[in-house]
């Protein structure tokens, strides 16, 4: 975390590193900063295997979802997907792909 003096806000950066060989230090890229449009600390990345889309789930009173471009680090405008269960703020959003397999009869 650091303080952005130009906007007078705390900033919680998300840094992405890429590599083809995680065991070779020289193969790691320079970091790409992923835009964190809500400025939150509890966030998670989700890869949609079907579409190849990457999503950023974050919270701040509700759970929000934004698409992420890994080449530029930009994020779409976040969309509220859940307001919580009525208690305090929902925290630690984590999305998982769920596949339902139904048995069929031959």
PDB file of N, CA and C in Angstrom:
ATOM      1  N   UNK A   1       0.843  -1.171   0.000  1.00  0.00           N
ATOM      2  CA  UNK A   1       0.000   0.000   0.000  1.00  0.00           C
ATOM      3  C   UNK A   1       0.884   1.228   0.000  1.00  0.00           C
ATOM      4  N   UNK A   2       0.465   2.251  -0.715  1.00  0.00           N
ATOM      5  CA  UNK A   2       1.129   3.533  -0.624  1.00  0.00           C
ATOM      6  C   UNK A   2       0.097   4.637  -0.762  1.00  0.00           C
ATOM      7  N   UNK A   3       0.510   5.833  -0.445  1.00  0.00           N
ATOM      8  CA  UNK A   3      -0.381   6.981  -0.448  1.00  0.00           C
ATOM      9  C   UNK A   3      -0.136   7.775  -1.714  1.00  0.00           C
ATOM     10  N   UNK A   4      -1.181   8.038  -2.481  1.00  0.00           N
ATOM     11  CA  UNK A   4      -1.077   8.825  -3.702  1.00  0.00           C
ATOM     12  C   UNK A   4      -1.320  10.288  -3.333  1.00  0.00           C
ATOM     13  N   UNK A   5      -0.256  11.052  -3.310  1.00  0.00           N
ATOM     14  CA  UNK A   5      -0.360  12.441  -2.870  1.00  0.00           C
ATOM     15  C   UNK A   5      -1.174  13.290  -3.835  1.00  0.00           C
ATOM     16  N   UNK A   6      -1.233  12.912  -5.115  1.00  0.00           N
ATOM     17  CA  UNK A   6      -1.984  13.720  -6.082  1.00  0.00           C
ATOM     18  C   UNK A   6      -3.496  13.597  -5.869  1.00  0.00           C
ATOM     19  N   UNK A   7      -3.961  12.435  -5.425  1.00  0.00           N
ATOM     20  CA  UNK A   7      -5.395  12.256  -5.199  1.00  0.00           C
ATOM     21  C   UNK A   7      -5.748  12.207  -3.719  1.00  0.00           C
ATOM     22  N   UNK A   8      -4.728  12.200  -2.874  1.00  0.00           N
ATOM     23  CA  UNK A   8      -4.903  12.131  -1.422  1.00  0.00           C
ATOM     24  C   UNK A   8      -5.664  10.870  -1.005  1.00  0.00           C
ATOM     25  N   UNK A   9      -5.350   9.745  -1.676  1.00  0.00           N
ATOM     26  CA  UNK A   9      -5.999   8.475  -1.356  1.00  0.00           C
ATOM     27  C   UNK A   9      -4.948   7.393  -1.207  1.00  0.00           C
ATOM     28  N   UNK A  10      -5.288   6.382  -0.393  1.00  0.00           N
ATOM     29  CA  UNK A  10      -4.442   5.196  -0.307  1.00  0.00           C
ATOM     30  C   UNK A  10      -4.587   4.419  -1.605  1.00  0.00           C
ATOM     31  N   UNK A  11      -3.532   3.782  -2.015  1.00  0.00           N
ATOM     32  CA  UNK A  11      -3.565   3.004  -3.248  1.00  0.00           C
ATOM     33  C   UNK A  11      -3.073   1.593  -2.944  1.00  0.00           C
ATOM     34  N   UNK A  12      -3.839   0.615  -3.387  1.00  0.00           N
ATOM     35  CA  UNK A  12      -3.488  -0.788  -3.178  1.00  0.00           C
ATOM     36  C   UNK A  12      -3.223  -1.408  -4.548  1.00  0.00           C
ATOM     37  N   UNK A  13      -1.985  -1.357  -5.019  1.00  0.00           N
ATOM     38  CA  UNK A  13      -1.716  -1.849  -6.378  1.00  0.00           C
ATOM     39  C   UNK A  13      -1.796  -3.366  -6.488  1.00  0.00           C
ATOM     40  N   UNK A  14      -2.132  -3.816  -7.689  1.00  0.00           N
ATOM     41  CA  UNK A  14      -2.120  -5.227  -8.038  1.00  0.00           C
ATOM     42  C   UNK A  14      -1.055  -5.362  -9.110  1.00  0.00           C
ATOM     43  N   UNK A  15      -0.016  -6.129  -8.833  1.00  0.00           N
ATOM     44  CA  UNK A  15       1.077  -6.276  -9.785  1.00  0.00           C
ATOM     45  C   UNK A  15       1.048  -7.663 -10.398  1.00  0.00           C
ATOM     46  N   UNK A  16       1.158  -7.716 -11.725  1.00  0.00           N
ATOM     47  CA  UNK A  16       1.167  -8.977 -12.452  1.00  0.00           C
ATOM     48  C   UNK A  16       2.539  -9.175 -13.075  1.00  0.00           C
ATOM     49  N   UNK A  17       3.112 -10.339 -12.852  1.00  0.00           N
ATOM     50  CA  UNK A  17       4.385 -10.722 -13.455  1.00  0.00           C
ATOM     51  C   UNK A  17       4.113 -11.915 -14.363  1.00  0.00           C
ATOM     52  N   UNK A  18       4.811 -11.979 -15.499  1.00  0.00           N
ATOM     53  CA  UNK A  18       4.639 -13.098 -16.432  1.00  0.00           C
ATOM     54  C   UNK A  18       5.963 -13.835 -16.605  1.00  0.00           C
ATOM     55  N   UNK A  19       5.859 -15.149 -16.857  1.00  0.00           N
ATOM     56  CA  UNK A  19       7.045 -15.950 -17.127  1.00  0.00           C
ATOM     57  C   UNK A  19       6.659 -17.240 -17.841  1.00  0.00           C
ATOM     58  N   UNK A  20       7.592 -17.775 -18.604  1.00  0.00           N
ATOM     59  CA  UNK A  20       7.428 -19.093 -19.196  1.00  0.00           C
ATOM     60  C   UNK A  20       8.131 -20.150 -18.345  1.00  0.00           C
ATOM     61  N   UNK A  21       9.010 -19.680 -17.455  1.00  0.00           N
ATOM     62  CA  UNK A  21       9.785 -20.588 -16.606  1.00  0.00           C
ATOM     63  C   UNK A  21       9.901 -19.982 -15.208  1.00  0.00           C
ATOM     64  N   UNK A  22       9.025 -20.378 -14.275  1.00  0.00           N
ATOM     65  CA  UNK A  22       9.027 -19.771 -12.940  1.00  0.00           C
ATOM     66  C   UNK A  22      10.293 -20.042 -12.128  1.00  0.00           C
ATOM     67  N   UNK A  23      11.130 -20.969 -12.567  1.00  0.00           N
ATOM     68  CA  UNK A  23      12.340 -21.308 -11.821  1.00  0.00           C
ATOM     69  C   UNK A  23      13.568 -20.540 -12.303  1.00  0.00           C
ATOM     70  N   UNK A  24      13.424 -19.750 -13.360  1.00  0.00           N
ATOM     71  CA  UNK A  24      14.527 -18.960 -13.904  1.00  0.00           C
ATOM     72  C   UNK A  24      14.229 -17.482 -13.660  1.00  0.00           C
ATOM     73  N   UNK A  25      14.965 -16.857 -12.757  1.00  0.00           N
ATOM     74  CA  UNK A  25      14.726 -15.457 -12.381  1.00  0.00           C
ATOM     75  C   UNK A  25      14.828 -14.511 -13.575  1.00  0.00           C
ATOM     76  N   UNK A  26      15.641 -14.850 -14.561  1.00  0.00           N
ATOM     77  CA  UNK A  26      15.822 -13.966 -15.708  1.00  0.00           C
ATOM     78  C   UNK A  26      14.639 -14.004 -16.677  1.00  0.00           C
ATOM     79  N   UNK A  27      13.732 -14.945 -16.509  1.00  0.00           N
ATOM     80  CA  UNK A  27      12.586 -15.096 -17.414  1.00  0.00           C
ATOM     81  C   UNK A  27      11.359 -14.287 -16.985  1.00  0.00           C
ATOM     82  N   UNK A  28      11.397 -13.710 -15.791  1.00  0.00           N
ATOM     83  CA  UNK A  28      10.245 -12.965 -15.292  1.00  0.00           C
ATOM     84  C   UNK A  28      10.162 -11.588 -15.948  1.00  0.00           C
ATOM     85  N   UNK A  29       8.942 -11.165 -16.263  1.00  0.00           N
ATOM     86  CA  UNK A  29       8.718  -9.850 -16.873  1.00  0.00           C
ATOM     87  C   UNK A  29       8.779  -8.752 -15.818  1.00  0.00           C
ATOM     88  N   UNK A  30       8.827  -7.543 -16.299  1.00  0.00           N
ATOM     89  CA  UNK A  30       8.630  -6.400 -15.413  1.00  0.00           C
ATOM     90  C   UNK A  30       7.155  -6.407 -15.022  1.00  0.00           C
ATOM     91  N   UNK A  31       6.803  -5.864 -13.866  1.00  0.00           N
ATOM     92  CA  UNK A  31       5.401  -5.927 -13.438  1.00  0.00           C
ATOM     93  C   UNK A  31       4.488  -5.037 -14.286  1.00  0.00           C
ATOM     94  N   UNK A  32       3.282  -5.522 -14.479  1.00  0.00           N
ATOM     95  CA  UNK A  32       2.219  -4.723 -15.077  1.00  0.00           C
ATOM     96  C   UNK A  32       1.260  -4.398 -13.941  1.00  0.00           C
ATOM     97  N   UNK A  33       0.964  -3.129 -13.739  1.00  0.00           N
ATOM     98  CA  UNK A  33       0.022  -2.774 -12.677  1.00  0.00           C
ATOM     99  C   UNK A  33      -1.397  -2.927 -13.196  1.00  0.00           C
ATOM    100  N   UNK A  34      -2.169  -3.782 -12.523  1.00  0.00           N
ATOM    101  CA  UNK A  34      -3.563  -4.002 -12.873  1.00  0.00           C
ATOM    102  C   UNK A  34      -4.396  -2.927 -12.185  1.00  0.00           C
ATOM    103  N   UNK A  35      -5.191  -2.247 -12.965  1.00  0.00           N
ATOM    104  CA  UNK A  35      -6.044  -1.180 -12.440  1.00  0.00           C
ATOM    105  C   UNK A  35      -7.015  -1.758 -11.411  1.00  0.00           C
ATOM    106  N   UNK A  36      -7.119  -1.103 -10.274  1.00  0.00           N
ATOM    107  CA  UNK A  36      -8.009  -1.509  -9.195  1.00  0.00           C
ATOM    108  C   UNK A  36      -9.077  -0.426  -9.067  1.00  0.00           C
ATOM    109  N   UNK A  37     -10.139  -0.475  -9.906  1.00  0.00           N
ATOM    110  CA  UNK A  37     -11.064   0.653 -10.006  1.00  0.00           C
ATOM    111  C   UNK A  37     -11.780   1.034  -8.714  1.00  0.00           C
ATOM    112  N   UNK A  38     -11.966   0.108  -7.793  1.00  0.00           N
ATOM    113  CA  UNK A  38     -12.631   0.451  -6.534  1.00  0.00           C
ATOM    114  C   UNK A  38     -11.632   0.772  -5.436  1.00  0.00           C
ATOM    115  N   UNK A  39     -10.337   0.557  -5.696  1.00  0.00           N
ATOM    116  CA  UNK A  39      -9.317   0.862  -4.695  1.00  0.00           C
ATOM    117  C   UNK A  39      -9.386  -0.021  -3.470  1.00  0.00           C
ATOM    118  N   UNK A  40      -9.798  -1.269  -3.637  1.00  0.00           N
ATOM    119  CA  UNK A  40     -10.034  -2.144  -2.494  1.00  0.00           C
ATOM    120  C   UNK A  40      -8.818  -2.998  -2.159  1.00  0.00           C
ATOM    121  N   UNK A  41      -8.837  -3.573  -0.954  1.00  0.00           N
ATOM    122  CA  UNK A  41      -7.747  -4.441  -0.522  1.00  0.00           C
ATOM    123  C   UNK A  41      -8.089  -5.911  -0.695  1.00  0.00           C
ATOM    124  N   UNK A  42      -9.347  -6.282  -0.601  1.00  0.00           N
ATOM    125  CA  UNK A  42      -9.777  -7.676  -0.771  1.00  0.00           C
ATOM    126  C   UNK A  42     -10.211  -7.868  -2.213  1.00  0.00           C
ATOM    127  N   UNK A  43      -9.342  -8.464  -3.026  1.00  0.00           N
ATOM    128  CA  UNK A  43      -9.713  -8.691  -4.411  1.00  0.00           C
ATOM    129  C   UNK A  43      -9.141 -10.023  -4.873  1.00  0.00           C
ATOM    130  N   UNK A  44      -9.680 -10.502  -5.977  1.00  0.00           N
ATOM    131  CA  UNK A  44      -9.290 -11.810  -6.474  1.00  0.00           C
ATOM    132  C   UNK A  44      -9.430 -11.814  -7.986  1.00  0.00           C
ATOM    133  N   UNK A  45      -8.550 -12.553  -8.668  1.00  0.00           N
ATOM    134  CA  UNK A  45      -8.639 -12.699 -10.113  1.00  0.00           C
ATOM    135  C   UNK A  45      -9.270 -14.047 -10.446  1.00  0.00           C
ATOM    136  N   UNK A  46     -10.101 -14.047 -11.477  1.00  0.00           N
ATOM    137  CA  UNK A  46     -10.769 -15.268 -11.935  1.00  0.00           C
ATOM    138  C   UNK A  46     -10.602 -15.377 -13.443  1.00  0.00           C
ATOM    139  N   UNK A  47     -10.127 -16.532 -13.903  1.00  0.00           N
ATOM    140  CA  UNK A  47      -9.964 -16.797 -15.326  1.00  0.00           C
ATOM    141  C   UNK A  47     -11.136 -17.639 -15.793  1.00  0.00           C
ATOM    142  N   UNK A  48     -11.884 -17.153 -16.786  1.00  0.00           N
ATOM    143  CA  UNK A  48     -12.976 -17.925 -17.378  1.00  0.00           C
ATOM    144  C   UNK A  48     -12.372 -18.793 -18.478  1.00  0.00           C
ATOM    145  N   UNK A  49     -12.320 -20.094 -18.241  1.00  0.00           N
ATOM    146  CA  UNK A  49     -11.717 -21.024 -19.200  1.00  0.00           C
ATOM    147  C   UNK A  49     -12.467 -21.066 -20.524  1.00  0.00           C
ATOM    148  N   UNK A  50     -13.764 -20.810 -20.499  1.00  0.00           N
ATOM    149  CA  UNK A  50     -14.568 -20.888 -21.719  1.00  0.00           C
ATOM    150  C   UNK A  50     -14.329 -19.713 -22.661  1.00  0.00           C
ATOM    151  N   UNK A  51     -14.168 -18.520 -22.108  1.00  0.00           N
ATOM    152  CA  UNK A  51     -14.039 -17.322 -22.950  1.00  0.00           C
ATOM    153  C   UNK A  51     -12.639 -16.731 -22.949  1.00  0.00           C
ATOM    154  N   UNK A  52     -11.816 -17.125 -21.978  1.00  0.00           N
ATOM    155  CA  UNK A  52     -10.484 -16.535 -21.867  1.00  0.00           C
ATOM    156  C   UNK A  52     -10.492 -15.187 -21.170  1.00  0.00           C
ATOM    157  N   UNK A  53     -11.641 -14.753 -20.704  1.00  0.00           N
ATOM    158  CA  UNK A  53     -11.769 -13.464 -20.021  1.00  0.00           C
ATOM    159  C   UNK A  53     -11.250 -13.581 -18.589  1.00  0.00           C
ATOM    160  N   UNK A  54     -10.587 -12.517 -18.131  1.00  0.00           N
ATOM    161  CA  UNK A  54     -10.109 -12.461 -16.745  1.00  0.00           C
ATOM    162  C   UNK A  54     -10.945 -11.415 -16.019  1.00  0.00           C
ATOM    163  N   UNK A  55     -11.393 -11.765 -14.817  1.00  0.00           N
ATOM    164  CA  UNK A  55     -12.230 -10.871 -14.020  1.00  0.00           C
ATOM    165  C   UNK A  55     -11.530 -10.529 -12.709  1.00  0.00           C
ATOM    166  N   UNK A  56     -11.784  -9.332 -12.229  1.00  0.00           N
ATOM    167  CA  UNK A  56     -11.324  -8.889 -10.921  1.00  0.00           C
ATOM    168  C   UNK A  56     -12.540  -8.768 -10.014  1.00  0.00           C
ATOM    169  N   UNK A  57     -12.586  -9.584  -8.975  1.00  0.00           N
ATOM    170  CA  UNK A  57     -13.653  -9.492  -7.974  1.00  0.00           C
ATOM    171  C   UNK A  57     -13.105  -8.674  -6.809  1.00  0.00           C
ATOM    172  N   UNK A  58     -13.894  -7.701  -6.348  1.00  0.00           N
ATOM    173  CA  UNK A  58     -13.445  -6.861  -5.231  1.00  0.00           C
ATOM    174  C   UNK A  58     -14.644  -6.492  -4.372  1.00  0.00           C
ATOM    175  N   UNK A  59     -14.349  -5.984  -3.193  1.00  0.00           N
ATOM    176  CA  UNK A  59     -15.441  -5.608  -2.301  1.00  0.00           C
ATOM    177  C   UNK A  59     -15.190  -4.230  -1.707  1.00  0.00           C
ATOM    178  N   UNK A  60     -16.245  -3.618  -1.314  1.00  0.00           N
ATOM    179  CA  UNK A  60     -16.241  -2.381  -0.543  1.00  0.00           C
ATOM    180  C   UNK A  60     -17.697  -2.092  -0.234  1.00  0.00           C
ATOM    181  N   UNK A  61     -18.236  -2.832   0.715  1.00  0.00           N
ATOM    182  CA  UNK A  61     -19.650  -2.715   1.058  1.00  0.00           C
ATOM    183  C   UNK A  61     -20.521  -3.672   0.263  1.00  0.00           C
ATOM    184  N   UNK A  62     -20.062  -4.061  -0.915  1.00  0.00           N
ATOM    185  CA  UNK A  62     -20.730  -5.027  -1.792  1.00  0.00           C
ATOM    186  C   UNK A  62     -19.643  -5.734  -2.589  1.00  0.00           C
ATOM    187  N   UNK A  63     -20.009  -6.772  -3.339  1.00  0.00           N
ATOM    188  CA  UNK A  63     -19.055  -7.462  -4.200  1.00  0.00           C
ATOM    189  C   UNK A  63     -19.203  -6.908  -5.618  1.00  0.00           C
ATOM    190  N   UNK A  64     -18.086  -6.539  -6.223  1.00  0.00           N
ATOM    191  CA  UNK A  64     -18.061  -5.968  -7.565  1.00  0.00           C
ATOM    192  C   UNK A  64     -17.220  -6.841  -8.481  1.00  0.00           C
ATOM    193  N   UNK A  65     -17.530  -6.784  -9.779  1.00  0.00           N
ATOM    194  CA  UNK A  65     -16.812  -7.567 -10.771  1.00  0.00           C
ATOM    195  C   UNK A  65     -16.444  -6.663 -11.947  1.00  0.00           C
ATOM    196  N   UNK A  66     -15.188  -6.764 -12.403  1.00  0.00           N
ATOM    197  CA  UNK A  66     -14.723  -5.989 -13.560  1.00  0.00           C
ATOM    198  C   UNK A  66     -13.885  -6.898 -14.447  1.00  0.00           C
ATOM    199  N   UNK A  67     -13.910  -6.657 -15.752  1.00  0.00           N
ATOM    200  CA  UNK A  67     -13.044  -7.382 -16.672  1.00  0.00           C
ATOM    201  C   UNK A  67     -11.666  -6.735 -16.671  1.00  0.00           C
ATOM    202  N   UNK A  68     -10.629  -7.561 -16.823  1.00  0.00           N
ATOM    203  CA  UNK A  68      -9.246  -7.069 -16.796  1.00  0.00           C
ATOM    204  C   UNK A  68      -8.558  -7.410 -18.119  1.00  0.00           C
ATOM    205  N   UNK A  69      -7.812  -6.449 -18.650  1.00  0.00           N
ATOM    206  CA  UNK A  69      -6.990  -6.674 -19.826  1.00  0.00           C
ATOM    207  C   UNK A  69      -5.555  -6.862 -19.345  1.00  0.00           C
ATOM    208  N   UNK A  70      -5.021  -8.079 -19.465  1.00  0.00           N
ATOM    209  CA  UNK A  70      -3.681  -8.374 -18.953  1.00  0.00           C
ATOM    210  C   UNK A  70      -2.567  -7.735 -19.775  1.00  0.00           C
ATOM    211  N   UNK A  71      -2.849  -7.325 -20.999  1.00  0.00           N
ATOM    212  CA  UNK A  71      -1.812  -6.690 -21.813  1.00  0.00           C
ATOM    213  C   UNK A  71      -1.591  -5.244 -21.396  1.00  0.00           C
ATOM    214  N   UNK A  72      -2.677  -4.535 -21.063  1.00  0.00           N
ATOM    215  CA  UNK A  72      -2.576  -3.112 -20.719  1.00  0.00           C
ATOM    216  C   UNK A  72      -2.691  -2.843 -19.223  1.00  0.00           C
ATOM    217  N   UNK A  73      -3.296  -3.789 -18.474  1.00  0.00           N
ATOM    218  CA  UNK A  73      -3.528  -3.582 -17.049  1.00  0.00           C
ATOM    219  C   UNK A  73      -4.825  -2.847 -16.765  1.00  0.00           C
ATOM    220  N   UNK A  74      -5.570  -2.482 -17.815  1.00  0.00           N
ATOM    221  CA  UNK A  74      -6.804  -1.730 -17.608  1.00  0.00           C
ATOM    222  C   UNK A  74      -7.943  -2.639 -17.154  1.00  0.00           C
ATOM    223  N   UNK A  75      -8.914  -2.040 -16.478  1.00  0.00           N
ATOM    224  CA  UNK A  75     -10.095  -2.756 -15.994  1.00  0.00           C
ATOM    225  C   UNK A  75     -11.342  -2.032 -16.466  1.00  0.00           C
ATOM    226  N   UNK A  76     -12.413  -2.795 -16.681  1.00  0.00           N
ATOM    227  CA  UNK A  76     -13.690  -2.182 -17.041  1.00  0.00           C
ATOM    228  C   UNK A  76     -14.320  -1.545 -15.806  1.00  0.00           C
ATOM    229  N   UNK A  77     -15.384  -0.818 -16.010  1.00  0.00           N
ATOM    230  CA  UNK A  77     -16.131  -0.249 -14.884  1.00  0.00           C
ATOM    231  C   UNK A  77     -16.729  -1.401 -14.075  1.00  0.00           C
ATOM    232  N   UNK A  78     -16.482  -1.436 -12.755  1.00  0.00           N
ATOM    233  CA  UNK A  78     -16.996  -2.550 -11.954  1.00  0.00           C
ATOM    234  C   UNK A  78     -18.522  -2.552 -11.869  1.00  0.00           C
ATOM    235  N   UNK A  79     -19.076  -3.762 -11.845  1.00  0.00           N
ATOM    236  CA  UNK A  79     -20.517  -3.964 -11.732  1.00  0.00           C
ATOM    237  C   UNK A  79     -20.794  -4.654 -10.401  1.00  0.00           C
ATOM    238  N   UNK A  80     -21.776  -4.136  -9.663  1.00  0.00           N
ATOM    239  CA  UNK A  80     -22.140  -4.764  -8.389  1.00  0.00           C
ATOM    240  C   UNK A  80     -22.853  -6.077  -8.678  1.00  0.00           C
ATOM    241  N   UNK A  81     -22.339  -7.182  -8.102  1.00  0.00           N
ATOM    242  CA  UNK A  81     -22.980  -8.483  -8.314  1.00  0.00           C
ATOM    243  C   UNK A  81     -23.610  -9.051  -7.044  1.00  0.00           C
ATOM    244  N   UNK A  82     -23.283  -8.496  -5.871  1.00  0.00           N
ATOM    245  CA  UNK A  82     -23.894  -8.975  -4.630  1.00  0.00           C
ATOM    246  C   UNK A  82     -23.778  -7.909  -3.552  1.00  0.00           C
ATOM    247  N   UNK A  83     -24.860  -7.672  -2.839  1.00  0.00           N
ATOM    248  CA  UNK A  83     -24.871  -6.662  -1.781  1.00  0.00           C
ATOM    249  C   UNK A  83     -24.638  -7.241  -0.396  1.00  0.00           C
ATOM    250  N   UNK A  84     -24.428  -8.532  -0.309  1.00  0.00           N
ATOM    251  CA  UNK A  84     -24.223  -9.154   0.995  1.00  0.00           C
ATOM    252  C   UNK A  84     -25.500  -9.773   1.522  1.00  0.00           C
ATOM    253  N   UNK A  85     -25.404 -10.302   2.727  1.00  0.00           N
ATOM    254  CA  UNK A  85     -26.532 -11.031   3.307  1.00  0.00           C
ATOM    255  C   UNK A  85     -27.290 -10.225   4.352  1.00  0.00           C
ATOM    256  N   UNK A  86     -26.955  -8.953   4.484  1.00  0.00           N
ATOM    257  CA  UNK A  86     -27.665  -8.118   5.445  1.00  0.00           C
ATOM    258  C   UNK A  86     -26.865  -7.811   6.687  1.00  0.00           C
ATOM    259  N   UNK A  87     -25.746  -8.520   6.884  1.00  0.00           N
ATOM    260  CA  UNK A  87     -24.887  -8.240   8.032  1.00  0.00           C
ATOM    261  C   UNK A  87     -23.944  -7.103   7.697  1.00  0.00           C
ATOM    262  N   UNK A  88     -22.719  -7.244   8.103  1.00  0.00           N
ATOM    263  CA  UNK A  88     -21.712  -6.239   7.797  1.00  0.00           C
ATOM    264  C   UNK A  88     -21.256  -6.410   6.349  1.00  0.00           C
ATOM    265  N   UNK A  89     -20.219  -5.677   5.974  1.00  0.00           N
ATOM    266  CA  UNK A  89     -19.710  -5.733   4.610  1.00  0.00           C
ATOM    267  C   UNK A  89     -19.250  -7.137   4.233  1.00  0.00           C
ATOM    268  N   UNK A  90     -19.607  -7.614   3.029  1.00  0.00           N
ATOM    269  CA  UNK A  90     -19.048  -8.890   2.577  1.00  0.00           C
ATOM    270  C   UNK A  90     -17.555  -8.711   2.301  1.00  0.00           C
ATOM    271  N   UNK A  91     -16.760  -9.707   2.617  1.00  0.00           N
ATOM    272  CA  UNK A  91     -15.313  -9.589   2.449  1.00  0.00           C
ATOM    273  C   UNK A  91     -14.739 -10.788   1.727  1.00  0.00           C
ATOM    274  N   UNK A  92     -13.559 -10.594   1.155  1.00  0.00           N
ATOM    275  CA  UNK A  92     -12.793 -11.672   0.555  1.00  0.00           C
ATOM    276  C   UNK A  92     -13.484 -12.381  -0.586  1.00  0.00           C
ATOM    277  N   UNK A  93     -13.946 -11.652  -1.625  1.00  0.00           N
ATOM    278  CA  UNK A  93     -14.641 -12.331  -2.713  1.00  0.00           C
ATOM    279  C   UNK A  93     -13.710 -13.285  -3.463  1.00  0.00           C
ATOM    280  N   UNK A  94     -14.219 -14.435  -3.791  1.00  0.00           N
ATOM    281  CA  UNK A  94     -13.451 -15.406  -4.567  1.00  0.00           C
ATOM    282  C   UNK A  94     -14.417 -16.141  -5.475  1.00  0.00           C
ATOM    283  N   UNK A  95     -14.188 -16.077  -6.768  1.00  0.00           N
ATOM    284  CA  UNK A  95     -15.054 -16.750  -7.725  1.00  0.00           C
ATOM    285  C   UNK A  95     -14.434 -18.069  -8.140  1.00  0.00           C
ATOM    286  N   UNK A  96     -15.271 -19.061  -8.323  1.00  0.00           N
ATOM    287  CA  UNK A  96     -14.816 -20.358  -8.795  1.00  0.00           C
ATOM    288  C   UNK A  96     -15.731 -20.817  -9.906  1.00  0.00           C
ATOM    289  N   UNK A  97     -15.146 -21.501 -10.889  1.00  0.00           N
ATOM    290  CA  UNK A  97     -15.955 -22.054 -11.957  1.00  0.00           C
ATOM    291  C   UNK A  97     -16.615 -23.326 -11.451  1.00  0.00           C
ATOM    292  N   UNK A  98     -17.861 -23.451 -11.757  1.00  0.00           N
ATOM    293  CA  UNK A  98     -18.591 -24.622 -11.291  1.00  0.00           C
ATOM    294  C   UNK A  98     -19.228 -25.292 -12.497  1.00  0.00           C
ATOM    295  N   UNK A  99     -18.944 -26.538 -12.636  1.00  0.00           N
ATOM    296  CA  UNK A  99     -19.533 -27.309 -13.731  1.00  0.00           C
ATOM    297  C   UNK A  99     -20.425 -28.385 -13.128  1.00  0.00           C
ATOM    298  N   UNK A 100     -21.594 -28.494 -13.696  1.00  0.00           N
ATOM    299  CA  UNK A 100     -22.543 -29.500 -13.227  1.00  0.00           C
ATOM    300  C   UNK A 100     -22.558 -30.640 -14.240  1.00  0.00           C
ATOM    301  N   UNK A 101     -22.191 -31.810 -13.799  1.00  0.00           N
ATOM    302  CA  UNK A 101     -22.202 -32.984 -14.654  1.00  0.00           C
ATOM    303  C   UNK A 101     -23.392 -33.849 -14.277  1.00  0.00           C
ATOM    304  N   UNK A 102     -24.243 -34.085 -15.220  1.00  0.00           N
ATOM    305  CA  UNK A 102     -25.430 -34.893 -14.954  1.00  0.00           C
ATOM    306  C   UNK A 102     -25.248 -36.273 -15.560  1.00  0.00           C
ATOM    307  N   UNK A 103     -25.565 -37.312 -14.809  1.00  0.00           N
ATOM    308  CA  UNK A 103     -25.467 -38.662 -15.360  1.00  0.00           C
ATOM    309  C   UNK A 103     -26.539 -38.859 -16.428  1.00  0.00           C
ATOM    310  N   UNK A 104     -26.161 -39.540 -17.484  1.00  0.00           N
ATOM    311  CA  UNK A 104     -27.132 -39.825 -18.535  1.00  0.00           C
ATOM    312  C   UNK A 104     -27.306 -41.329 -18.673  1.00  0.00           C
ATOM    313  N   UNK A 105     -28.416 -41.709 -19.202  1.00  0.00           N
ATOM    314  CA  UNK A 105     -28.725 -43.113 -19.400  1.00  0.00           C
ATOM    315  C   UNK A 105     -28.496 -43.480 -20.846  1.00  0.00           C
ATOM    316  N   UNK A 106     -27.919 -44.608 -21.063  1.00  0.00           N
ATOM    317  CA  UNK A 106     -27.727 -45.051 -22.456  1.00  0.00           C
ATOM    318  C   UNK A 106     -28.867 -45.890 -22.922  1.00  0.00           C
TER     319      UNK A 106
END
